[in-house]
């Protein structure tokens, strides 16, 4: 997802609202849905990267436990 293009798209909505232009409910719902999906994707990526760090730490502990003494 190209965030720069989405930013320009969102700015267009905000500018239109500020200028008093007509925005339909359907357009606003699309805007909200797009922003929500972006947030979900970012949160999932953050959770996945956090899990990766936790798994890496777990592997290091398991490797230390393999010592013969």
C-alpha atoms as a PDB file:
ATOM      1  CA  UNK A   1       0.000   0.000   0.000  1.00  0.00           C
ATOM      2  CA  UNK A   2       1.480   3.305  -1.049  1.00  0.00           C
ATOM      3  CA  UNK A   3       1.023   5.632   1.920  1.00  0.00           C
ATOM      4  CA  UNK A   4       2.017   8.762  -0.003  1.00  0.00           C
ATOM      5  CA  UNK A   5      -0.802   8.285  -2.510  1.00  0.00           C
ATOM      6  CA  UNK A   6      -3.267   7.573   0.292  1.00  0.00           C
ATOM      7  CA  UNK A   7      -2.084  10.704   2.111  1.00  0.00           C
ATOM      8  CA  UNK A   8      -2.770  12.814  -0.971  1.00  0.00           C
ATOM      9  CA  UNK A   9      -6.184  11.165  -1.310  1.00  0.00           C
ATOM     10  CA  UNK A  10      -7.054  11.843   2.342  1.00  0.00           C
ATOM     11  CA  UNK A  11      -5.799  15.426   2.080  1.00  0.00           C
ATOM     12  CA  UNK A  12      -8.189  15.926  -0.837  1.00  0.00           C
ATOM     13  CA  UNK A  13     -11.100  14.869   1.373  1.00  0.00           C
ATOM     14  CA  UNK A  14      -9.991  17.119   4.217  1.00  0.00           C
ATOM     15  CA  UNK A  15      -9.503  20.087   1.876  1.00  0.00           C
ATOM     16  CA  UNK A  16     -12.939  19.536   0.369  1.00  0.00           C
ATOM     17  CA  UNK A  17     -14.558  19.407   3.816  1.00  0.00           C
ATOM     18  CA  UNK A  18     -12.722  22.560   4.915  1.00  0.00           C
ATOM     19  CA  UNK A  19     -13.794  24.386   1.763  1.00  0.00           C
ATOM     20  CA  UNK A  20     -17.433  23.434   2.396  1.00  0.00           C
ATOM     21  CA  UNK A  21     -17.653  21.228  -0.676  1.00  0.00           C
ATOM     22  CA  UNK A  22     -20.211  18.473  -0.834  1.00  0.00           C
ATOM     23  CA  UNK A  23     -18.962  15.099   0.413  1.00  0.00           C
ATOM     24  CA  UNK A  24     -21.323  12.145   0.312  1.00  0.00           C
ATOM     25  CA  UNK A  25     -21.823   9.707   3.150  1.00  0.00           C
ATOM     26  CA  UNK A  26     -20.575   6.952   0.836  1.00  0.00           C
ATOM     27  CA  UNK A  27     -17.317   8.845   0.277  1.00  0.00           C
ATOM     28  CA  UNK A  28     -16.863   9.385   4.021  1.00  0.00           C
ATOM     29  CA  UNK A  29     -17.538   5.699   4.711  1.00  0.00           C
ATOM     30  CA  UNK A  30     -14.932   4.765   2.100  1.00  0.00           C
ATOM     31  CA  UNK A  31     -12.446   7.130   3.751  1.00  0.00           C
ATOM     32  CA  UNK A  32     -13.096   5.681   7.214  1.00  0.00           C
ATOM     33  CA  UNK A  33     -12.895   2.086   5.931  1.00  0.00           C
ATOM     34  CA  UNK A  34      -9.580   2.780   4.198  1.00  0.00           C
ATOM     35  CA  UNK A  35      -8.071   4.372   7.294  1.00  0.00           C
ATOM     36  CA  UNK A  36      -9.302   1.505   9.484  1.00  0.00           C
ATOM     37  CA  UNK A  37      -7.784  -1.095   7.148  1.00  0.00           C
ATOM     38  CA  UNK A  38      -4.480   0.813   7.193  1.00  0.00           C
ATOM     39  CA  UNK A  39      -4.473   0.822  11.004  1.00  0.00           C
ATOM     40  CA  UNK A  40      -5.249  -2.897  11.146  1.00  0.00           C
ATOM     41  CA  UNK A  41      -2.464  -3.675   8.680  1.00  0.00           C
ATOM     42  CA  UNK A  42       0.062  -1.577  10.616  1.00  0.00           C
ATOM     43  CA  UNK A  43      -0.962  -3.202  13.920  1.00  0.00           C
ATOM     44  CA  UNK A  44      -0.664  -6.684  12.410  1.00  0.00           C
ATOM     45  CA  UNK A  45       2.796  -5.877  11.058  1.00  0.00           C
ATOM     46  CA  UNK A  46       3.828  -4.558  14.475  1.00  0.00           C
ATOM     47  CA  UNK A  47       2.493  -7.686  16.182  1.00  0.00           C
ATOM     48  CA  UNK A  48       4.267  -9.937  13.692  1.00  0.00           C
ATOM     49  CA  UNK A  49       7.570  -8.147  14.163  1.00  0.00           C
ATOM     50  CA  UNK A  50       7.141  -8.336  17.945  1.00  0.00           C
ATOM     51  CA  UNK A  51       6.456 -12.060  17.698  1.00  0.00           C
ATOM     52  CA  UNK A  52       9.588 -12.402  15.617  1.00  0.00           C
ATOM     53  CA  UNK A  53      11.661 -10.763  18.363  1.00  0.00           C
ATOM     54  CA  UNK A  54      10.092 -12.968  21.042  1.00  0.00           C
ATOM     55  CA  UNK A  55      10.699 -16.097  18.971  1.00  0.00           C
ATOM     56  CA  UNK A  56      14.316 -15.081  18.420  1.00  0.00           C
ATOM     57  CA  UNK A  57      14.871 -14.629  22.162  1.00  0.00           C
ATOM     58  CA  UNK A  58      13.224 -17.996  22.804  1.00  0.00           C
ATOM     59  CA  UNK A  59      15.536 -19.693  20.294  1.00  0.00           C
ATOM     60  CA  UNK A  60      18.580 -18.176  21.970  1.00  0.00           C
ATOM     61  CA  UNK A  61      17.471 -19.559  25.347  1.00  0.00           C
ATOM     62  CA  UNK A  62      16.866 -22.985  23.831  1.00  0.00           C
ATOM     63  CA  UNK A  63      20.329 -22.944  22.251  1.00  0.00           C
ATOM     64  CA  UNK A  64      21.890 -22.136  25.624  1.00  0.00           C
ATOM     65  CA  UNK A  65      20.058 -25.106  27.174  1.00  0.00           C
ATOM     66  CA  UNK A  66      21.703 -27.507  24.727  1.00  0.00           C
ATOM     67  CA  UNK A  67      25.069 -27.247  26.482  1.00  0.00           C
ATOM     68  CA  UNK A  68      26.395 -30.638  27.650  1.00  0.00           C
ATOM     69  CA  UNK A  69      27.424 -29.426  31.119  1.00  0.00           C
END
